[in-house]
C-alpha atoms as a PDB file:
ATOM      1  CA  MET A   1     -14.056 208.861 181.551  1.00  0.00           C
ATOM      2  CA  PRO A   2     -16.167 209.478 184.644  1.00  0.00           C
ATOM      3  CA  GLN A   3     -16.756 213.001 185.855  1.00  0.00           C
ATOM      4  CA  MET A   4     -14.977 214.090 189.044  1.00  0.00           C
ATOM      5  CA  LYS A   5     -18.117 213.668 191.169  1.00  0.00           C
ATOM      6  CA  ASP A   6     -18.646 210.134 189.851  1.00  0.00           C
ATOM      7  CA  SER A   7     -15.091 208.936 190.367  1.00  0.00           C
ATOM      8  CA  ARG A   8     -13.745 207.899 193.724  1.00  0.00           C
ATOM      9  CA  LEU A   9     -10.581 209.965 194.035  1.00  0.00           C
ATOM     10  CA  GLY A  10      -7.871 208.921 196.449  1.00  0.00           C
ATOM     11  CA  ALA A  11      -4.658 210.711 197.248  1.00  0.00           C
ATOM     12  CA  VAL A  12      -1.328 209.609 198.612  1.00  0.00           C
ATOM     13  CA  VAL A  13       0.985 212.227 200.089  1.00  0.00           C
ATOM     14  CA  MET A  14       4.618 211.204 200.149  1.00  0.00           C
ATOM     15  CA  ALA A  15       6.166 212.305 203.428  1.00  0.00           C
ATOM     16  CA  ALA A  16       8.748 209.646 204.252  1.00  0.00           C
ATOM     17  CA  GLY A  17      11.880 211.658 203.484  1.00  0.00           C
ATOM     18  CA  LEU A  18      14.309 212.379 206.276  1.00  0.00           C
ATOM     19  CA  GLY A  19      15.482 215.881 205.329  1.00  0.00           C
ATOM     20  CA  THR A  20      19.089 214.877 204.740  1.00  0.00           C
ATOM     21  CA  ARG A  21      19.601 217.326 201.854  1.00  0.00           C
ATOM     22  CA  MET A  22      18.438 220.143 204.132  1.00  0.00           C
ATOM     23  CA  ARG A  23      20.993 219.080 206.742  1.00  0.00           C
ATOM     24  CA  SER A  24      18.233 219.145 209.316  1.00  0.00           C
ATOM     25  CA  ALA A  25      17.141 216.712 211.998  1.00  0.00           C
ATOM     26  CA  THR A  26      13.568 217.642 211.016  1.00  0.00           C
ATOM     27  CA  PRO A  27      12.268 216.157 207.769  1.00  0.00           C
ATOM     28  CA  LYS A  28      11.616 218.835 205.134  1.00  0.00           C
ATOM     29  CA  HIS A  29       7.857 218.232 204.956  1.00  0.00           C
ATOM     30  CA  LEU A  30       7.544 218.775 208.732  1.00  0.00           C
ATOM     31  CA  HIS A  31       9.192 222.210 208.725  1.00  0.00           C
ATOM     32  CA  SER A  32       6.834 225.048 209.572  1.00  0.00           C
ATOM     33  CA  LEU A  33       5.680 227.372 206.808  1.00  0.00           C
ATOM     34  CA  LEU A  34       3.390 230.262 207.797  1.00  0.00           C
ATOM     35  CA  GLY A  35       2.445 228.503 211.018  1.00  0.00           C
ATOM     36  CA  ARG A  36       1.670 225.090 209.525  1.00  0.00           C
ATOM     37  CA  ARG A  37       3.811 222.111 208.653  1.00  0.00           C
ATOM     38  CA  MET A  38       4.633 222.054 204.963  1.00  0.00           C
ATOM     39  CA  VAL A  39       2.830 218.713 204.536  1.00  0.00           C
ATOM     40  CA  ASP A  40      -0.327 220.130 206.130  1.00  0.00           C
ATOM     41  CA  TRP A  41      -0.701 222.557 203.213  1.00  0.00           C
ATOM     42  CA  VAL A  42      -0.649 219.581 200.826  1.00  0.00           C
ATOM     43  CA  LEU A  43      -3.116 217.595 202.938  1.00  0.00           C
ATOM     44  CA  SER A  44      -5.476 220.565 203.040  1.00  0.00           C
ATOM     45  CA  THR A  45      -5.392 220.822 199.247  1.00  0.00           C
ATOM     46  CA  ALA A  46      -6.153 217.107 198.887  1.00  0.00           C
ATOM     47  CA  ARG A  47      -9.077 217.483 201.296  1.00  0.00           C
ATOM     48  CA  GLU A  48     -10.453 220.352 199.156  1.00  0.00           C
ATOM     49  CA  LEU A  49     -10.712 217.798 196.342  1.00  0.00           C
ATOM     50  CA  ASP A  50     -12.621 215.409 198.634  1.00  0.00           C
ATOM     51  CA  ALA A  51      -9.880 212.810 198.210  1.00  0.00           C
ATOM     52  CA  ASP A  52     -10.961 209.706 200.097  1.00  0.00           C
ATOM     53  CA  PRO A  53      -9.001 207.751 200.974  1.00  0.00           C
ATOM     54  CA  LEU A  54      -6.281 210.218 201.870  1.00  0.00           C
ATOM     55  CA  VAL A  55      -3.070 208.457 202.828  1.00  0.00           C
ATOM     56  CA  VAL A  56       0.253 209.810 204.073  1.00  0.00           C
ATOM     57  CA  VAL A  57       3.322 207.693 203.440  1.00  0.00           C
ATOM     58  CA  ALA A  58       5.633 208.293 206.389  1.00  0.00           C
ATOM     59  CA  ALA A  59       8.937 207.029 207.694  1.00  0.00           C
ATOM     60  CA  PRO A  60       8.765 204.792 210.778  1.00  0.00           C
ATOM     61  CA  SER A  61      10.188 207.651 212.876  1.00  0.00           C
ATOM     62  CA  THR A  62       7.432 210.110 211.873  1.00  0.00           C
ATOM     63  CA  ALA A  63       4.381 207.880 211.393  1.00  0.00           C
ATOM     64  CA  ASP A  64       2.893 208.970 214.723  1.00  0.00           C
ATOM     65  CA  VAL A  65       2.867 212.726 213.936  1.00  0.00           C
ATOM     66  CA  PHE A  66      -0.130 212.503 211.607  1.00  0.00           C
ATOM     67  CA  GLU A  67      -3.712 212.696 212.852  1.00  0.00           C
ATOM     68  CA  ASP A  68      -7.049 212.398 211.036  1.00  0.00           C
ATOM     69  CA  VAL A  69      -5.457 210.672 208.050  1.00  0.00           C
ATOM     70  CA  ALA A  70      -4.512 207.128 207.134  1.00  0.00           C
ATOM     71  CA  VAL A  71      -0.783 206.465 207.439  1.00  0.00           C
ATOM     72  CA  ALA A  72       1.247 203.926 205.485  1.00  0.00           C
ATOM     73  CA  VAL A  73       4.798 203.336 206.672  1.00  0.00           C
ATOM     74  CA  GLN A  74       7.625 203.129 204.164  1.00  0.00           C
ATOM     75  CA  GLU A  75      10.189 201.132 206.109  1.00  0.00           C
ATOM     76  CA  THR A  76      13.102 202.095 203.869  1.00  0.00           C
ATOM     77  CA  PRO A  77      13.030 205.133 201.545  1.00  0.00           C
ATOM     78  CA  LEU A  78      13.310 203.543 198.104  1.00  0.00           C
ATOM     79  CA  GLY A  79      11.703 206.251 195.976  1.00  0.00           C
ATOM     80  CA  THR A  80       8.310 207.316 194.713  1.00  0.00           C
ATOM     81  CA  GLY A  81       7.211 203.966 193.324  1.00  0.00           C
ATOM     82  CA  ASP A  82       7.954 202.203 196.595  1.00  0.00           C
ATOM     83  CA  ALA A  83       6.182 204.966 198.547  1.00  0.00           C
ATOM     84  CA  VAL A  84       3.029 204.452 196.489  1.00  0.00           C
ATOM     85  CA  ARG A  85       3.370 200.678 196.890  1.00  0.00           C
ATOM     86  CA  SER A  86       3.457 201.214 200.659  1.00  0.00           C
ATOM     87  CA  ALA A  87       0.042 202.916 200.438  1.00  0.00           C
ATOM     88  CA  ARG A  88      -1.495 200.452 197.992  1.00  0.00           C
ATOM     89  CA  ALA A  89      -3.689 198.571 200.473  1.00  0.00           C
ATOM     90  CA  ALA A  90      -5.130 201.807 201.867  1.00  0.00           C
ATOM     91  CA  LEU A  91      -5.953 203.019 198.335  1.00  0.00           C
ATOM     92  CA  GLU A  92      -7.862 199.923 197.151  1.00  0.00           C
ATOM     93  CA  SER A  93     -11.236 201.714 197.139  1.00  0.00           C
ATOM     94  CA  ALA A  94      -9.968 204.568 194.937  1.00  0.00           C
ATOM     95  CA  GLU A  95     -10.658 204.558 191.197  1.00  0.00           C
ATOM     96  CA  GLU A  96      -8.116 207.322 190.576  1.00  0.00           C
ATOM     97  CA  VAL A  97      -5.144 208.280 192.714  1.00  0.00           C
ATOM     98  CA  LEU A  98      -3.298 211.568 192.998  1.00  0.00           C
ATOM     99  CA  VAL A  99       0.313 211.090 194.067  1.00  0.00           C
ATOM    100  CA  LEU A 100       1.444 214.256 195.818  1.00  0.00           C
ATOM    101  CA  SER A 101       4.732 215.259 197.340  1.00  0.00           C
ATOM    102  CA  GLY A 102       4.536 216.404 200.948  1.00  0.00           C
ATOM    103  CA  ASP A 103       6.948 219.252 200.256  1.00  0.00           C
ATOM    104  CA  THR A 104       4.884 221.106 197.619  1.00  0.00           C
ATOM    105  CA  PRO A 105       2.813 223.551 199.676  1.00  0.00           C
ATOM    106  CA  LEU A 106       2.035 225.869 196.745  1.00  0.00           C
ATOM    107  CA  LEU A 107      -0.115 223.329 194.901  1.00  0.00           C
ATOM    108  CA  THR A 108      -3.713 224.527 194.730  1.00  0.00           C
ATOM    109  CA  SER A 109      -6.928 222.591 194.433  1.00  0.00           C
ATOM    110  CA  ALA A 110      -7.712 224.599 191.254  1.00  0.00           C
ATOM    111  CA  LEU A 111      -4.483 223.411 189.634  1.00  0.00           C
ATOM    112  CA  LEU A 112      -5.116 219.800 190.647  1.00  0.00           C
ATOM    113  CA  ARG A 113      -8.720 219.971 189.388  1.00  0.00           C
ATOM    114  CA  GLU A 114      -7.389 221.126 186.011  1.00  0.00           C
ATOM    115  CA  LEU A 115      -4.843 218.291 186.057  1.00  0.00           C
ATOM    116  CA  LEU A 116      -7.632 215.789 186.747  1.00  0.00           C
ATOM    117  CA  HIS A 117      -9.785 217.322 184.021  1.00  0.00           C
ATOM    118  CA  THR A 118      -6.962 217.004 181.488  1.00  0.00           C
ATOM    119  CA  HIS A 119      -6.181 213.461 182.629  1.00  0.00           C
ATOM    120  CA  ARG A 120      -9.800 212.413 182.141  1.00  0.00           C
ATOM    121  CA  ARG A 121     -10.297 214.288 178.878  1.00  0.00           C
ATOM    122  CA  GLU A 122      -7.248 212.562 177.393  1.00  0.00           C
ATOM    123  CA  ALA A 123      -8.261 209.185 178.874  1.00  0.00           C
ATOM    124  CA  ALA A 124      -4.665 208.903 180.051  1.00  0.00           C
ATOM    125  CA  ALA A 125      -3.325 205.950 181.994  1.00  0.00           C
ATOM    126  CA  ALA A 126      -1.168 208.373 184.005  1.00  0.00           C
ATOM    127  CA  THR A 127      -0.580 212.111 183.987  1.00  0.00           C
ATOM    128  CA  VAL A 128       2.496 213.923 185.297  1.00  0.00           C
ATOM    129  CA  LEU A 129       2.505 217.548 186.396  1.00  0.00           C
ATOM    130  CA  SER A 130       5.889 219.186 185.849  1.00  0.00           C
ATOM    131  CA  PHE A 131       7.442 222.637 185.741  1.00  0.00           C
ATOM    132  CA  GLU A 132      10.520 224.319 184.279  1.00  0.00           C
ATOM    133  CA  PRO A 133      12.620 225.917 187.033  1.00  0.00           C
ATOM    134  CA  ASP A 134      14.984 228.814 186.385  1.00  0.00           C
ATOM    135  CA  ASP A 135      17.851 226.692 187.731  1.00  0.00           C
ATOM    136  CA  PRO A 136      17.232 222.979 187.113  1.00  0.00           C
ATOM    137  CA  ARG A 137      20.383 221.691 188.837  1.00  0.00           C
ATOM    138  CA  GLU A 138      18.608 220.702 192.069  1.00  0.00           C
ATOM    139  CA  TYR A 139      15.612 219.089 190.394  1.00  0.00           C
ATOM    140  CA  GLY A 140      14.938 215.837 188.623  1.00  0.00           C
ATOM    141  CA  ARG A 141      14.240 215.886 184.904  1.00  0.00           C
ATOM    142  CA  VAL A 142      11.203 215.045 182.826  1.00  0.00           C
ATOM    143  CA  VAL A 143      12.595 213.619 179.605  1.00  0.00           C
ATOM    144  CA  ARG A 144      10.341 213.890 176.575  1.00  0.00           C
ATOM    145  CA  ASN A 145      10.426 212.033 173.271  1.00  0.00           C
ATOM    146  CA  GLY A 146      10.377 213.694 169.832  1.00  0.00           C
ATOM    147  CA  LEU A 147       6.580 214.127 170.049  1.00  0.00           C
ATOM    148  CA  GLY A 148       6.731 215.834 173.438  1.00  0.00           C
ATOM    149  CA  ALA A 149       5.378 212.828 175.335  1.00  0.00           C
ATOM    150  CA  LEU A 150       6.917 211.618 178.587  1.00  0.00           C
ATOM    151  CA  ALA A 151       9.819 209.243 177.942  1.00  0.00           C
ATOM    152  CA  ALA A 152      11.426 209.090 181.392  1.00  0.00           C
ATOM    153  CA  ILE A 153      11.854 210.800 184.728  1.00  0.00           C
ATOM    154  CA  ALA A 154      15.415 211.102 186.026  1.00  0.00           C
ATOM    155  CA  ALA A 155      16.374 212.005 189.587  1.00  0.00           C
ATOM    156  CA  ALA A 156      18.576 215.094 189.913  1.00  0.00           C
ATOM    157  CA  ALA A 157      21.560 212.946 190.927  1.00  0.00           C
ATOM    158  CA  ASP A 158      21.129 210.821 187.801  1.00  0.00           C
ATOM    159  CA  ALA A 159      20.392 213.642 185.343  1.00  0.00           C
ATOM    160  CA  SER A 160      22.789 215.126 182.853  1.00  0.00           C
ATOM    161  CA  ALA A 161      22.928 218.840 182.034  1.00  0.00           C
END
């Protein structure tokens, strides 16, 4: 696998949600956190990795609130796969692509560098970063097979206990 400096890393930041679960007229990723929009923390982290291209997937109603970044519009929110598909044309020059959620402001460039290092070391086709929350009821599930490998990802609404 190529080293980080040799690989053209792109990033797509998913920010097309409408904030319906928060019962807010403001989408979750646009809420302020310590004086910055939540999504701006994620964009800053991607910039620390020199991700280029850097693409935000936005809803039609929020596409104009992003500056200094490429924007792909997801006309209808149909999930992560469709969000990435919406950004596909803007990511054509990237050899590797980080798919980041616009509502994860605590991600650090150090953590993502380690993720990329592991991904490359393992020569993986795809790598998923997950965590184990204290209360998993509000989160989707990473389902693993008997060997511990990823078998499926289930949305919270579709997941069993």
